[in-house]
Protein backbone atom coordinates (compact mmCIF):
# COMPACT_ATOMS: atom_id res chain seq x y z
CA MET A 1 -22.38 11.83 -7.18
CA GLY A 2 -21.83 8.31 -8.48
CA LEU A 3 -20.16 6.67 -11.43
CA ALA A 4 -23.49 5.46 -12.83
CA LEU A 5 -24.78 9.05 -12.73
CA ALA A 6 -21.70 10.59 -14.33
CA GLU A 7 -22.21 12.45 -17.56
CA GLU A 8 -20.07 11.51 -20.52
CA ARG A 9 -18.11 14.71 -20.27
CA PRO A 10 -14.32 14.94 -20.29
CA THR A 11 -12.70 16.06 -17.07
CA PRO A 12 -10.01 18.71 -17.62
CA LYS A 13 -6.60 17.07 -17.85
CA SER A 14 -5.23 19.44 -15.23
CA VAL A 15 -7.76 18.11 -12.70
CA VAL A 16 -6.93 14.48 -13.49
CA PHE A 17 -3.23 15.30 -13.26
CA ALA A 18 -3.67 17.02 -9.89
CA TRP A 19 -5.60 14.02 -8.54
CA ALA A 20 -2.97 11.54 -9.79
CA LEU A 21 -0.19 13.68 -8.32
CA TRP A 22 -1.38 12.80 -4.82
CA ASP A 23 -0.21 9.22 -5.43
CA TRP A 24 3.11 10.62 -6.61
CA ALA A 25 3.33 12.73 -3.43
CA THR A 26 2.71 9.93 -0.93
CA GLN A 27 4.38 7.02 -2.73
CA PRO A 28 7.85 7.62 -1.18
CA PHE A 29 6.40 6.51 2.16
CA ASN A 30 5.56 3.14 0.62
CA THR A 31 8.54 2.82 -1.71
CA VAL A 32 11.40 4.45 0.20
CA ILE A 33 10.37 4.05 3.83
CA LEU A 34 8.11 1.01 4.01
CA THR A 35 9.57 -1.19 1.27
CA PHE A 36 13.08 -0.56 -0.03
CA ILE A 37 15.14 1.69 2.22
CA PHE A 38 14.17 2.57 5.79
CA THR A 39 12.73 -0.75 6.99
CA ALA A 40 14.76 -3.13 4.81
CA LEU A 41 18.20 -1.49 5.07
CA TYR A 42 17.95 0.17 8.46
CA LEU A 43 15.16 -0.80 10.83
CA THR A 44 15.40 -4.59 10.34
CA THR A 45 19.22 -4.76 10.20
CA ASP A 46 21.82 -5.45 12.87
CA ALA A 47 21.95 -1.70 13.57
CA PHE A 48 19.09 -2.33 16.02
CA LEU A 49 20.66 -5.40 17.66
CA PRO A 50 22.70 -5.34 20.90
CA PRO A 51 26.45 -4.79 20.32
CA GLU A 52 27.33 -8.33 21.35
CA THR A 53 24.91 -9.73 18.75
CA GLN A 54 26.16 -7.35 16.06
CA ALA A 55 29.67 -8.69 16.55
CA LEU A 56 28.64 -12.26 15.68
CA PRO A 57 29.28 -13.65 12.16
CA LYS A 58 26.47 -13.06 9.65
CA ASP A 59 25.52 -16.75 9.57
CA ALA A 60 25.63 -17.30 13.34
CA PRO A 61 22.34 -18.91 14.47
CA GLU A 62 21.86 -16.35 17.22
CA LYS A 63 22.24 -13.45 14.78
CA VAL A 64 19.97 -15.05 12.17
CA ALA A 65 17.30 -15.55 14.83
CA ALA A 66 17.70 -11.98 16.11
CA LEU A 67 17.27 -10.54 12.62
CA ALA A 68 14.21 -12.74 12.10
CA ASP A 69 12.79 -11.29 15.32
CA LEU A 70 13.17 -7.78 13.90
CA SER A 71 11.40 -8.83 10.69
CA SER A 72 8.55 -10.43 12.61
CA GLY A 73 8.38 -7.38 14.89
CA LEU A 74 7.79 -5.20 11.86
CA GLY A 75 5.09 -7.67 10.83
CA TRP A 76 3.34 -7.42 14.19
CA GLY A 77 3.47 -3.62 13.97
CA THR A 78 1.75 -3.59 10.59
CA THR A 79 -0.76 -6.11 11.95
CA VAL A 80 -1.77 -3.63 14.65
CA ALA A 81 -1.97 -0.90 12.00
CA GLY A 82 -4.33 -3.05 9.96
CA LEU A 83 -6.59 -3.62 12.95
CA LEU A 84 -6.72 0.11 13.68
CA ILE A 85 -7.74 0.83 10.10
CA LEU A 86 -10.29 -1.94 10.39
CA LEU A 87 -11.90 0.09 13.18
CA LEU A 88 -11.47 3.60 11.80
CA ALA A 89 -11.45 3.73 8.00
CA PRO A 90 -15.08 2.88 7.13
CA VAL A 91 -16.56 5.05 9.88
CA LEU A 92 -14.41 8.05 9.00
CA GLY A 93 -15.32 7.50 5.35
CA GLN A 94 -19.02 7.40 6.23
CA GLN A 95 -18.71 10.64 8.19
CA ALA A 96 -16.84 12.32 5.32
CA ASP A 97 -19.67 11.27 2.96
CA ALA A 98 -22.33 12.65 5.27
CA ALA A 99 -20.60 15.99 5.75
CA GLY A 100 -19.34 16.32 2.16
CA ARG A 101 -15.83 16.86 3.54
CA GLN A 102 -13.68 14.31 1.71
CA LYS A 103 -11.01 16.91 0.99
CA LEU A 104 -10.81 17.83 4.68
CA TRP A 105 -10.17 14.22 5.68
CA LEU A 106 -7.75 13.82 2.79
CA GLY A 107 -5.84 16.74 4.25
CA ILE A 108 -5.96 15.38 7.81
CA GLY A 109 -4.71 11.95 6.72
CA THR A 110 -2.00 13.39 4.49
CA GLY A 111 -0.81 15.80 7.17
CA ALA A 112 -0.63 13.05 9.78
CA LEU A 113 1.31 10.82 7.36
CA ILE A 114 3.82 13.62 6.85
CA ALA A 115 4.15 14.01 10.62
CA THR A 116 5.02 10.33 11.08
CA MET A 117 7.75 10.58 8.41
CA LEU A 118 9.20 13.61 10.18
CA GLY A 119 9.09 11.62 13.43
CA LEU A 120 11.40 8.98 11.97
CA TRP A 121 14.20 11.51 12.37
CA PHE A 122 14.30 10.53 16.05
CA VAL A 123 14.76 6.79 15.38
CA GLU A 124 18.46 6.38 16.05
CA PRO A 125 20.10 2.91 15.68
CA THR A 126 19.66 1.46 19.14
CA PRO A 127 17.57 -1.53 20.25
CA SER A 128 15.49 0.64 22.57
CA LEU A 129 14.24 2.75 19.65
CA PHE A 130 13.30 -0.14 17.35
CA TRP A 131 9.70 -0.15 18.51
CA LEU A 132 9.45 3.63 18.11
CA GLY A 133 10.35 3.12 14.47
CA VAL A 134 7.79 0.34 14.11
CA ALA A 135 5.12 2.46 15.83
CA LEU A 136 5.73 5.46 13.55
CA ILE A 137 5.65 3.32 10.42
CA ALA A 138 2.44 1.64 11.62
CA ALA A 139 0.90 5.04 12.35
CA GLY A 140 1.95 6.27 8.91
CA THR A 141 0.24 3.25 7.36
CA VAL A 142 -2.98 4.08 9.23
CA CYS A 143 -2.91 7.77 8.31
CA GLY A 144 -2.00 7.08 4.70
CA GLU A 145 -4.88 4.65 4.32
CA ILE A 146 -7.39 7.09 5.84
CA ALA A 147 -6.20 9.69 3.32
CA ALA A 148 -6.41 7.14 0.48
CA VAL A 149 -10.06 6.40 1.34
CA ASN A 150 -10.91 9.98 0.43
CA SER A 151 -8.58 10.12 -2.56
CA ASN A 152 -10.34 7.03 -3.93
CA ALA A 153 -13.74 8.60 -3.31
CA MET A 154 -12.66 11.67 -5.27
CA LEU A 155 -11.84 9.43 -8.25
CA VAL A 156 -15.54 8.82 -8.80
CA GLY A 157 -16.10 12.57 -9.16
CA ILE A 158 -13.63 12.97 -12.04
CA ALA A 159 -14.21 9.75 -14.02
CA THR A 160 -16.93 8.22 -16.18
CA PRO A 161 -17.74 4.54 -16.78
CA LYS A 162 -15.64 4.66 -19.96
CA THR A 163 -12.57 6.29 -18.35
CA ILE A 164 -12.52 4.90 -14.81
CA GLY A 165 -10.01 2.15 -15.63
CA ARG A 166 -7.43 4.36 -17.29
CA ILE A 167 -7.72 7.16 -14.72
CA SER A 168 -7.37 4.70 -11.84
CA GLY A 169 -4.37 3.14 -13.60
CA LEU A 170 -2.89 6.58 -14.18
CA GLY A 171 -3.01 7.29 -10.45
CA TRP A 172 -1.26 4.06 -9.52
CA GLY A 173 1.21 4.55 -12.37
CA PHE A 174 2.06 8.06 -11.17
CA GLY A 175 2.69 6.59 -7.74
CA TYR A 176 5.17 4.05 -9.06
CA LEU A 177 6.92 6.62 -11.24
CA GLY A 178 7.19 8.94 -8.25
CA GLY A 179 8.77 6.07 -6.36
CA ILE A 180 11.36 5.72 -9.13
CA VAL A 181 12.34 9.38 -8.95
CA ALA A 182 12.59 9.21 -5.16
CA LEU A 183 14.78 6.10 -5.33
CA VAL A 184 17.05 7.68 -7.95
CA ILE A 185 17.55 10.64 -5.62
CA VAL A 186 18.51 8.17 -2.89
CA ILE A 187 21.04 6.53 -5.27
CA VAL A 188 22.60 9.92 -6.00
CA PHE A 189 22.68 10.62 -2.25
CA TYR A 190 24.45 7.28 -1.66
CA ALA A 191 26.86 7.50 -4.62
CA SER A 192 28.01 10.94 -3.51
CA GLY A 193 29.06 9.53 -0.17
CA TRP A 194 26.02 11.03 1.53
CA PHE A 195 27.35 14.45 0.41
CA GLY A 196 30.03 14.21 3.07
CA LEU A 197 27.62 13.60 5.94
CA PRO A 198 28.72 11.10 8.61
CA ASP A 199 26.84 7.81 8.55
CA GLU A 200 26.90 7.33 12.32
CA ASP A 201 23.61 7.21 14.23
CA GLY A 202 21.75 6.28 11.06
CA LEU A 203 21.91 9.91 9.91
CA PRO A 204 21.52 9.23 6.14
CA PHE A 205 18.40 7.11 6.68
CA ARG A 206 16.87 9.65 9.03
CA ILE A 207 17.53 12.44 6.50
CA ILE A 208 15.90 10.30 3.80
CA ALA A 209 12.76 10.01 5.96
CA VAL A 210 12.61 13.79 6.38
CA GLY A 211 13.15 14.19 2.63
CA CYS A 212 10.13 11.97 1.94
CA ALA A 213 8.04 14.18 4.21
CA LEU A 214 9.11 17.34 2.35
CA TRP A 215 8.38 15.61 -0.98
CA ALA A 216 4.83 14.86 0.18
CA ILE A 217 4.26 18.43 1.30
CA VAL A 218 5.26 19.87 -2.09
CA PHE A 219 3.45 17.46 -4.41
CA ALA A 220 0.23 17.01 -2.40
CA ILE A 221 -0.73 20.68 -2.78
CA PRO A 222 -2.33 20.47 -6.29
CA VAL A 223 -5.06 18.02 -5.30
CA PHE A 224 -6.40 20.53 -2.76
CA LEU A 225 -6.27 23.41 -5.22
CA LYS A 226 -7.60 21.79 -8.40
CA VAL A 227 -9.82 18.79 -7.61
CA PRO A 228 -13.39 19.69 -6.56
CA GLU A 229 -15.12 18.28 -3.51
CA PRO A 230 -16.78 15.10 -4.85
CA SER A 231 -20.17 15.62 -3.17
CA LEU A 232 -22.25 18.09 -1.19
CA GLY A 233 -22.84 15.63 1.59
CA ARG A 234 -25.83 13.74 2.96
CA PRO A 235 -27.06 15.62 6.06
CA GLU A 236 -29.64 12.92 6.90
CA ARG A 237 -26.77 10.50 7.60
CA ARG A 238 -24.83 12.75 9.98
CA VAL A 239 -24.55 10.97 13.31
CA GLY A 240 -22.08 10.82 16.19
CA PHE A 241 -18.87 8.82 15.94
CA LEU A 242 -20.08 5.84 18.00
CA ARG A 243 -23.46 5.74 16.26
CA SER A 244 -21.60 5.55 12.97
CA TYR A 245 -20.72 1.94 13.78
CA ALA A 246 -24.39 1.01 14.10
CA LEU A 247 -25.11 2.79 10.84
CA LEU A 248 -22.19 1.00 9.22
CA VAL A 249 -23.50 -2.44 10.25
CA LYS A 250 -26.92 -1.52 8.89
CA ASP A 251 -25.40 -0.36 5.61
CA VAL A 252 -23.29 -3.50 5.17
CA ALA A 253 -26.35 -5.67 5.80
CA GLY A 254 -28.22 -3.57 3.26
CA LEU A 255 -25.50 -4.17 0.68
CA TYR A 256 -26.01 -7.90 1.06
CA ARG A 257 -29.83 -7.85 1.09
CA SER A 258 -30.24 -5.78 -2.06
CA PRO A 259 -29.64 -7.68 -5.34
CA ALA A 260 -28.43 -4.43 -6.90
CA THR A 261 -25.61 -3.98 -4.36
CA ARG A 262 -24.80 -7.60 -3.53
CA PRO A 263 -21.83 -7.64 -5.97
CA THR A 264 -20.39 -4.76 -3.95
CA PHE A 265 -20.67 -6.81 -0.77
CA TRP A 266 -19.02 -9.91 -2.23
CA PHE A 267 -16.27 -7.94 -3.89
CA LEU A 268 -15.44 -6.17 -0.64
CA LEU A 269 -15.23 -9.56 1.05
CA SER A 270 -13.04 -11.20 -1.59
CA SER A 271 -10.78 -8.19 -1.98
CA ALA A 272 -10.14 -8.31 1.76
CA VAL A 273 -7.87 -11.25 1.06
CA PHE A 274 -6.19 -10.62 -2.27
CA ARG A 275 -5.45 -6.94 -1.66
CA ASP A 276 -3.96 -7.87 1.67
CA GLY A 277 -1.59 -10.19 -0.19
CA LEU A 278 -0.67 -7.31 -2.52
CA ALA A 279 0.15 -5.20 0.53
CA GLY A 280 2.39 -7.98 1.83
CA VAL A 281 4.43 -7.92 -1.38
CA PHE A 282 5.18 -4.22 -0.89
CA THR A 283 5.71 -4.34 2.84
CA PHE A 284 8.14 -7.25 2.95
CA GLY A 285 9.66 -7.44 -0.55
CA ALA A 286 12.87 -5.58 0.21
CA VAL A 287 13.20 -7.29 3.60
CA ILE A 288 13.29 -10.60 1.67
CA ALA A 289 15.86 -9.18 -0.77
CA ALA A 290 18.18 -8.03 2.02
CA ASN A 291 17.72 -10.79 4.60
CA VAL A 292 17.16 -13.85 2.37
CA PHE A 293 19.14 -13.06 -0.78
CA GLY A 294 21.82 -10.85 0.76
CA PHE A 295 21.22 -7.73 -1.34
CA GLU A 296 23.44 -4.83 -0.34
CA PHE A 297 22.28 -1.21 -0.15
CA LEU A 298 22.85 -0.27 -3.79
CA GLU A 299 21.40 -3.55 -5.08
CA VAL A 300 18.19 -3.03 -3.14
CA VAL A 301 17.82 0.51 -4.43
CA VAL A 302 18.55 -0.45 -8.06
CA PHE A 303 16.04 -3.28 -7.77
CA GLY A 304 13.54 -0.79 -6.38
CA VAL A 305 14.01 1.52 -9.37
CA ALA A 306 13.56 -1.38 -11.82
CA ALA A 307 10.54 -2.69 -9.89
CA ASN A 308 8.78 0.67 -9.81
CA LEU A 309 9.51 1.35 -13.49
CA ILE A 310 8.04 -1.99 -14.54
CA ALA A 311 5.08 -1.63 -12.17
CA GLY A 312 4.33 1.92 -13.29
CA VAL A 313 4.39 1.17 -17.01
CA SER A 314 2.41 -2.07 -16.66
CA THR A 315 -0.21 -0.38 -14.48
CA ILE A 316 -0.81 2.47 -16.92
CA LEU A 317 -1.10 0.02 -19.83
CA ALA A 318 -3.34 -2.34 -17.85
CA GLY A 319 -5.78 0.52 -17.25
CA ARG A 320 -6.70 0.42 -20.94
CA VAL A 321 -7.03 -3.37 -20.80
CA ASP A 322 -9.35 -2.92 -17.82
CA ASP A 323 -11.67 -0.66 -19.86
CA ARG A 324 -11.77 -3.25 -22.66
CA VAL A 325 -12.04 -6.66 -20.94
CA GLY A 326 -13.16 -5.67 -17.43
CA PRO A 327 -11.31 -5.41 -14.12
CA LYS A 328 -12.12 -8.92 -12.87
CA ARG A 329 -10.13 -10.63 -15.62
CA VAL A 330 -7.19 -8.32 -15.00
CA ILE A 331 -7.22 -9.11 -11.27
CA LEU A 332 -7.53 -12.90 -11.68
CA PHE A 333 -4.74 -13.13 -14.25
CA SER A 334 -2.48 -10.94 -12.09
CA LEU A 335 -3.09 -12.98 -8.93
CA ALA A 336 -2.41 -16.27 -10.71
CA ALA A 337 0.88 -14.99 -12.12
CA MET A 338 1.97 -13.59 -8.73
CA THR A 339 1.21 -16.87 -6.95
CA VAL A 340 3.42 -18.79 -9.37
CA ALA A 341 6.22 -16.22 -9.12
CA GLY A 342 6.12 -16.21 -5.30
CA LEU A 343 6.33 -20.00 -5.09
CA ALA A 344 9.27 -19.94 -7.48
CA VAL A 345 11.13 -17.40 -5.34
CA PHE A 346 10.72 -19.55 -2.22
CA THR A 347 11.46 -22.89 -3.88
CA LEU A 348 14.54 -21.70 -5.78
CA ALA A 349 15.93 -19.39 -3.09
CA ASP A 350 19.17 -21.40 -2.83
CA ALA A 351 19.93 -20.70 -6.50
CA GLY A 352 20.99 -17.15 -5.65
CA ARG A 353 20.06 -13.56 -6.31
CA VAL A 354 19.00 -14.06 -9.93
CA VAL A 355 15.92 -15.86 -8.58
CA PHE A 356 14.78 -12.77 -6.73
CA TRP A 357 15.57 -10.50 -9.67
CA VAL A 358 13.42 -12.57 -12.01
CA GLY A 359 10.67 -13.58 -9.59
CA GLY A 360 10.51 -10.17 -7.91
CA LEU A 361 10.19 -8.29 -11.17
CA VAL A 362 7.48 -10.68 -12.37
CA LEU A 363 5.57 -9.88 -9.20
CA CYS A 364 5.96 -6.18 -9.91
CA VAL A 365 4.55 -6.55 -13.42
CA PHE A 366 1.22 -7.68 -11.98
CA VAL A 367 0.86 -6.13 -8.54
CA GLY A 368 0.07 -2.63 -9.86
CA PRO A 369 -2.53 -3.75 -12.42
CA ALA A 370 -4.28 -5.81 -9.74
CA GLN A 371 -4.44 -2.79 -7.42
CA ALA A 372 -5.69 -0.37 -10.07
CA ALA A 373 -8.26 -2.83 -11.43
CA SER A 374 -9.49 -3.49 -7.91
CA ARG A 375 -10.22 0.20 -7.38
CA SER A 376 -11.87 0.35 -10.80
CA PHE A 377 -14.04 -2.70 -10.02
CA LEU A 378 -15.32 -1.20 -6.80
CA ALA A 379 -16.04 2.19 -8.38
CA ARG A 380 -18.22 0.43 -10.96
CA VAL A 381 -20.39 -1.23 -8.29
CA THR A 382 -20.55 1.58 -5.70
CA PRO A 383 -24.00 3.15 -5.06
CA ALA A 384 -24.18 6.87 -5.71
CA GLY A 385 -23.62 9.05 -2.63
CA ARG A 386 -21.82 6.34 -0.63
CA GLU A 387 -18.37 6.54 -2.20
CA GLY A 388 -16.43 7.52 0.93
CA GLU A 389 -18.21 4.91 3.04
CA ILE A 390 -17.69 2.12 0.49
CA PHE A 391 -14.06 3.04 -0.10
CA GLY A 392 -13.67 3.15 3.68
CA LEU A 393 -14.87 -0.46 3.73
CA TYR A 394 -12.52 -1.10 0.83
CA ALA A 395 -9.64 0.13 2.97
CA THR A 396 -10.84 -2.00 5.86
CA THR A 397 -11.20 -5.21 3.90
CA GLY A 398 -8.16 -4.84 1.69
CA ARG A 399 -4.71 -3.45 2.16
CA ALA A 400 -5.80 -1.66 5.31
CA ALA A 401 -6.65 -4.95 7.00
CA SER A 402 -3.05 -5.98 6.51
CA TRP A 403 -3.04 -8.01 9.69
CA MET A 404 -3.69 -11.10 7.54
CA SER A 405 -0.54 -11.17 5.43
CA SER A 406 1.49 -9.56 8.22
CA ALA A 407 0.35 -12.19 10.69
CA MET A 408 1.00 -15.04 8.23
CA TRP A 409 4.43 -13.57 7.53
CA SER A 410 5.31 -13.39 11.23
CA ILE A 411 3.83 -16.78 12.16
CA LEU A 412 5.60 -18.67 9.38
CA ILE A 413 8.91 -16.98 10.21
CA VAL A 414 8.49 -18.09 13.83
CA VAL A 415 7.55 -21.63 12.77
CA GLY A 416 10.25 -21.93 10.09
CA GLY A 417 12.94 -20.08 12.01
CA ALA A 418 14.05 -18.04 8.96
CA THR A 419 12.82 -14.98 7.10
CA SER A 420 12.40 -16.94 3.84
CA PHE A 421 9.36 -18.79 5.22
CA GLY A 422 7.48 -15.49 5.31
CA ILE A 423 7.26 -15.72 1.50
CA LEU A 424 4.87 -18.67 1.85
CA GLY A 425 2.58 -16.59 4.04
CA ILE A 426 2.21 -13.94 1.35
CA VAL A 427 1.68 -16.56 -1.37
CA ALA A 428 -1.04 -18.26 0.68
CA VAL A 429 -2.96 -14.99 1.00
CA LEU A 430 -2.68 -14.28 -2.76
CA LEU A 431 -3.92 -17.77 -3.65
CA ALA A 432 -6.84 -17.56 -1.22
CA GLY A 433 -7.82 -14.19 -2.69
CA PHE A 434 -7.80 -15.66 -6.21
CA LEU A 435 -10.15 -18.47 -5.17
CA LEU A 436 -12.53 -16.12 -3.34
CA LEU A 437 -12.79 -13.73 -6.29
CA LEU A 438 -13.71 -16.43 -8.84
CA PRO A 439 -17.46 -16.60 -8.02
CA VAL A 440 -17.92 -12.82 -7.64
CA ARG A 441 -20.13 -11.42 -10.39
CA ALA A 442 -18.28 -8.95 -12.58
CA ALA A 443 -19.52 -5.40 -12.91
CA PRO A 444 -21.64 -4.78 -16.04
């Protein structure tokens, strides 16, 4: 296996569709639970504050500080998740490569992600259960990233050097479009008055979480039925779990020492920063909308639909640009535009909600293309037979190592005393990623 070894033969469209449908299946966790609905409109709201704090006016300093504590608590939870993926993703990817069992680990990660979404049913609106909600969302982030390592590795088995950009973009685009459909269902659920269900005890939000789990179960099935195992394995590299870390260190050092694989090493390092900033945009975007700009439930959901529509279309189109001009140019242009948009949102926050509508949608135009081009870039410089291992490192050094933007988000909120200061933390990570990527040699 390996992109450089791929024959110029077309992969059946049904196989590509089945692979892309996995992004569609798991996207509601990111869109509905992590970004727009469960965390922003439920977990980080006054529903999880003590009754005496809930009774305070919205602009009371004590209530503002308490809500900021919930936002930073979510940030610390995702920081821990990033550190866990830092430890687990590359080693599990290496073991999947050695055994030729990427589909097995895709199934394990996907199943565990579904279990965490089902577990959110038990997160009722009480301060004592806030950390259970954070823990389940953090665990879902870990499991989803472990699954994504193997989904990314399978991409190399169905693409060629001439189609990698568009197929990668198609996967991300399917994810965003799936997020749109899921959010529209939530709007219908809300507009119907929750179909007569009582809204006490956070019941609508808990039902939404279960619905996302059922969605994932249904739409994840095709990838296991249609997409072939990407490799037969490498038996000579099968070692115990703990010895995998020693092998991993040796492999990373080998990436750096070999001129042929050094671009892979430097790209993994630079993407550790900019992809972490991209993760911060998704994780905290709706929290900013609700807590900084005062978006109500329906406004957040409508913004989410618009954001996913723009991101999905731009990502699919950018995949063709990637194949023509190269992924590095796509990533650099996207990061520059997002840095400017993020600074504008923070600086002009007092001007009202229109600032977030404009700045937030500009961010969404570029965040998807940067993600898809990043996956395409790495696939172009990955040595044959090490796809799971390298994409495991990709998970570790990118979105999976989300402790960077999460920590900056939480620290700046603590220092500034308001949720809006977290925006600067995300912007700083995006800008640093742009600067680190500049000297990295582009794939041929």
